[in-house]
Amino acid sequence: MKEKKYKEPLKSETETTINVIYDENKLSVYTNKVLLQKQLNKLLGEPTKELKIKRSISGSIWDIPLDDKIKIQRLIVKANIYEL
């Protein structure tokens, strides 16, 4: 597997959003925080989409079907989205 390069955002521009899209029956997770992107890669697998600036990844999006209770549980329980 090729080593991925991530672009670290400015502290004031770091964000993570979780949206429930009922029409499409999915949970959409976006983050530009590097450590969380790496952690979600391990827990959820490859992202649906990677946003890039030149060759570096500036953000990642995962789309998880609402039926996939295991991935949603991993996201809530194991991922450090709350920075606790």
Protein backbone atom coordinates (compact mmCIF):
# COMPACT_ATOMS: atom_id res chain seq x y z
CA MET A 1 0.00 0.00 0.00
CA LYS A 2 1.29 3.42 -0.97
CA GLU A 3 2.14 5.81 1.86
CA LYS A 4 -0.39 8.65 2.01
CA LYS A 5 0.67 12.24 2.57
CA TYR A 6 -1.65 14.45 4.57
CA LYS A 7 -1.77 18.23 4.71
CA GLU A 8 -2.12 19.47 8.28
CA PRO A 9 -4.79 22.23 8.47
CA LEU A 10 -4.40 25.40 10.48
CA LYS A 11 -5.61 24.90 14.06
CA SER A 12 -8.48 27.37 13.50
CA GLU A 13 -9.59 25.51 10.35
CA THR A 14 -9.72 21.98 11.80
CA GLU A 15 -13.19 20.47 11.52
CA THR A 16 -15.13 17.23 11.66
CA THR A 17 -18.75 17.00 10.57
CA ILE A 18 -21.16 14.08 10.82
CA ASN A 19 -24.35 14.35 8.77
CA VAL A 20 -27.30 11.99 8.59
CA ILE A 21 -28.69 12.05 5.05
CA TYR A 22 -32.09 10.43 5.38
CA ASP A 23 -33.02 10.57 1.67
CA GLU A 24 -29.94 8.52 0.78
CA ASN A 25 -30.07 6.39 3.96
CA LYS A 26 -26.46 7.15 4.92
CA LEU A 27 -24.23 8.72 7.53
CA SER A 28 -21.62 11.04 6.02
CA VAL A 29 -18.44 11.80 7.99
CA TYR A 30 -16.00 14.52 6.91
CA THR A 31 -12.78 15.46 8.66
CA ASN A 32 -9.60 17.32 7.82
CA LYS A 33 -7.85 16.36 11.06
CA VAL A 34 -4.88 14.16 10.12
CA LEU A 35 -4.83 11.87 13.18
CA LEU A 36 -8.56 11.25 12.92
CA GLN A 37 -8.29 10.52 9.17
CA LYS A 38 -5.65 7.88 9.86
CA GLN A 39 -7.70 6.38 12.69
CA LEU A 40 -10.88 6.26 10.57
CA ASN A 41 -8.93 4.64 7.74
CA LYS A 42 -8.09 1.77 10.10
CA LEU A 43 -11.57 1.50 11.64
CA LEU A 44 -13.83 2.10 8.63
CA GLY A 45 -11.59 1.34 5.67
CA GLU A 46 -10.78 3.56 2.72
CA PRO A 47 -12.78 6.80 2.51
CA THR A 48 -15.44 7.31 -0.14
CA LYS A 49 -13.65 10.47 -1.26
CA GLU A 50 -10.32 12.13 -0.50
CA LEU A 51 -9.96 15.87 -1.04
CA LYS A 52 -6.48 16.84 -2.20
CA ILE A 53 -4.29 19.89 -2.50
CA LYS A 54 -1.61 18.99 -5.02
CA ARG A 55 -0.42 15.55 -3.83
CA SER A 56 -1.44 15.88 -0.18
CA ILE A 57 -4.76 14.80 1.30
CA SER A 58 -6.51 17.78 2.88
CA GLY A 59 -9.68 15.99 3.98
CA SER A 60 -11.57 12.70 3.76
CA ILE A 61 -15.23 11.72 3.49
CA TRP A 62 -16.75 8.39 4.53
CA ASP A 63 -20.31 7.48 3.56
CA ILE A 64 -21.70 4.74 5.79
CA PRO A 65 -25.10 3.14 5.12
CA LEU A 66 -27.43 3.54 8.10
CA ASP A 67 -27.95 -0.25 7.99
CA ASP A 68 -24.25 -0.83 8.78
CA LYS A 69 -24.55 -0.78 12.57
CA ILE A 70 -21.06 -2.24 13.10
CA LYS A 71 -19.25 0.62 11.33
CA ILE A 72 -21.42 3.23 13.03
CA GLN A 73 -20.68 1.62 16.42
CA ARG A 74 -16.93 1.63 15.68
CA LEU A 75 -17.14 5.30 14.72
CA ILE A 76 -18.91 6.29 17.93
CA VAL A 77 -17.11 4.00 20.39
CA LYS A 78 -13.56 3.60 19.09
CA ALA A 79 -12.82 6.72 17.04
CA ASN A 80 -11.55 9.66 19.03
CA ILE A 81 -13.94 12.16 17.41
CA TYR A 82 -14.55 13.90 20.74
CA GLU A 83 -10.83 14.17 21.62
CA LEU A 84 -11.38 12.64 25.07
